[in-house]
Amino acid sequence: MAFQMHRLAETLADPDAVRPSRSSQSIRLYDRLYPDLRGKNRYVCLVVKREKTYGFILTGYLARSIKGASA
């Protein structure tokens, strides 16, 4: 993910989907599809924790699909 920083910013600014975490109300998952990532369709998923005055990225990963989404 180190070479994908521009995609992280794009995912936060214009996600394809934003969904709540199953484990915490203060966590949201931001997903964006990139058809050219690793030569295939891959989603960048960012796990973001939101506090009252700020938010921060807990982790990010690549996925083949949005987890929990119906196929």
C-alpha atoms as a PDB file:
ATOM      1  CA  MET A   1       0.000   0.000   0.000  1.00  0.00           C
ATOM      2  CA  ALA A   2       2.979   2.331   0.380  1.00  0.00           C
ATOM      3  CA  PHE A   3       3.001   3.063  -3.359  1.00  0.00           C
ATOM      4  CA  GLN A   4      -0.761   3.603  -3.436  1.00  0.00           C
ATOM      5  CA  MET A   5      -1.029   6.759  -1.304  1.00  0.00           C
ATOM      6  CA  HIS A   6      -2.882   8.647  -4.069  1.00  0.00           C
ATOM      7  CA  ARG A   7      -5.478   5.858  -4.149  1.00  0.00           C
ATOM      8  CA  LEU A   8      -5.966   6.108  -0.395  1.00  0.00           C
ATOM      9  CA  ALA A   9      -6.756   9.811  -0.738  1.00  0.00           C
ATOM     10  CA  GLU A  10      -9.135   9.118  -3.654  1.00  0.00           C
ATOM     11  CA  THR A  11     -10.906   6.402  -1.673  1.00  0.00           C
ATOM     12  CA  LEU A  12     -11.538   8.746   1.243  1.00  0.00           C
ATOM     13  CA  ALA A  13     -12.598  11.648  -0.988  1.00  0.00           C
ATOM     14  CA  ASP A  14     -14.865   9.695  -3.357  1.00  0.00           C
ATOM     15  CA  PRO A  15     -15.666   6.165  -2.104  1.00  0.00           C
ATOM     16  CA  ASP A  16     -17.922   3.746  -3.975  1.00  0.00           C
ATOM     17  CA  ALA A  17     -19.312   2.550  -0.640  1.00  0.00           C
ATOM     18  CA  VAL A  18     -19.155   3.560   3.010  1.00  0.00           C
ATOM     19  CA  ARG A  19     -20.369   1.035   5.545  1.00  0.00           C
ATOM     20  CA  PRO A  20     -20.419   0.761   9.313  1.00  0.00           C
ATOM     21  CA  SER A  21     -18.210  -1.673  11.160  1.00  0.00           C
ATOM     22  CA  ARG A  22     -19.885  -4.610  12.827  1.00  0.00           C
ATOM     23  CA  SER A  23     -17.646  -4.182  15.879  1.00  0.00           C
ATOM     24  CA  SER A  24     -17.844  -0.447  16.647  1.00  0.00           C
ATOM     25  CA  GLN A  25     -20.187   2.440  15.903  1.00  0.00           C
ATOM     26  CA  SER A  26     -17.258   4.836  15.556  1.00  0.00           C
ATOM     27  CA  ILE A  27     -15.623   2.845  12.733  1.00  0.00           C
ATOM     28  CA  ARG A  28     -16.523   3.093   9.049  1.00  0.00           C
ATOM     29  CA  LEU A  29     -15.145   1.176   6.070  1.00  0.00           C
ATOM     30  CA  TYR A  30     -14.530   3.121   2.859  1.00  0.00           C
ATOM     31  CA  ASP A  31     -14.356   1.104  -0.372  1.00  0.00           C
ATOM     32  CA  ARG A  32     -13.401   2.123  -3.893  1.00  0.00           C
ATOM     33  CA  LEU A  33     -12.991  -0.080  -6.968  1.00  0.00           C
ATOM     34  CA  TYR A  34      -9.838   0.179  -9.074  1.00  0.00           C
ATOM     35  CA  PRO A  35     -10.043  -1.931 -12.249  1.00  0.00           C
ATOM     36  CA  ASP A  36      -6.281  -1.737 -12.903  1.00  0.00           C
ATOM     37  CA  LEU A  37      -4.923  -2.511  -9.441  1.00  0.00           C
ATOM     38  CA  ARG A  38      -2.646  -5.562  -9.495  1.00  0.00           C
ATOM     39  CA  GLY A  39      -3.868  -6.240 -13.033  1.00  0.00           C
ATOM     40  CA  LYS A  40      -7.436  -6.991 -11.926  1.00  0.00           C
ATOM     41  CA  ASN A  41     -10.483  -5.458 -10.320  1.00  0.00           C
ATOM     42  CA  ARG A  42      -9.529  -4.738  -6.726  1.00  0.00           C
ATOM     43  CA  TYR A  43     -11.121  -2.652  -4.035  1.00  0.00           C
ATOM     44  CA  VAL A  44      -9.121  -0.451  -1.724  1.00  0.00           C
ATOM     45  CA  CYS A  45     -10.746  -0.696   1.699  1.00  0.00           C
ATOM     46  CA  LEU A  46      -9.852   1.806   4.409  1.00  0.00           C
ATOM     47  CA  VAL A  47     -10.932   1.255   7.999  1.00  0.00           C
ATOM     48  CA  VAL A  48     -11.464   4.688   9.549  1.00  0.00           C
ATOM     49  CA  LYS A  49     -12.184   5.545  13.177  1.00  0.00           C
ATOM     50  CA  ARG A  50     -14.103   8.771  13.728  1.00  0.00           C
ATOM     51  CA  GLU A  51     -13.926  10.650  16.997  1.00  0.00           C
ATOM     52  CA  LYS A  52     -15.841  13.832  17.819  1.00  0.00           C
ATOM     53  CA  THR A  53     -13.240  16.238  16.447  1.00  0.00           C
ATOM     54  CA  TYR A  54     -11.013  14.088  14.226  1.00  0.00           C
ATOM     55  CA  GLY A  55     -10.672  10.775  12.416  1.00  0.00           C
ATOM     56  CA  PHE A  56      -7.804   8.503  11.469  1.00  0.00           C
ATOM     57  CA  ILE A  57      -7.118   5.453   9.325  1.00  0.00           C
ATOM     58  CA  LEU A  58      -6.699   2.282  11.373  1.00  0.00           C
ATOM     59  CA  THR A  59      -5.686   0.106   8.422  1.00  0.00           C
ATOM     60  CA  GLY A  60      -6.103  -0.364   4.705  1.00  0.00           C
ATOM     61  CA  TYR A  61      -6.148  -3.431   2.495  1.00  0.00           C
ATOM     62  CA  LEU A  62      -6.961  -4.708  -0.993  1.00  0.00           C
ATOM     63  CA  ALA A  63     -10.017  -6.890  -1.536  1.00  0.00           C
ATOM     64  CA  ARG A  64     -11.653  -8.694  -4.457  1.00  0.00           C
ATOM     65  CA  SER A  65     -15.122  -7.657  -3.305  1.00  0.00           C
ATOM     66  CA  ILE A  66     -16.837  -5.578  -0.672  1.00  0.00           C
ATOM     67  CA  LYS A  67     -17.286  -7.867   2.319  1.00  0.00           C
ATOM     68  CA  GLY A  68     -20.856  -8.158   3.494  1.00  0.00           C
ATOM     69  CA  ALA A  69     -22.197  -6.902   0.152  1.00  0.00           C
ATOM     70  CA  SER A  70     -24.632  -9.074  -1.743  1.00  0.00           C
ATOM     71  CA  ALA A  71     -23.212 -10.569  -4.916  1.00  0.00           C
END
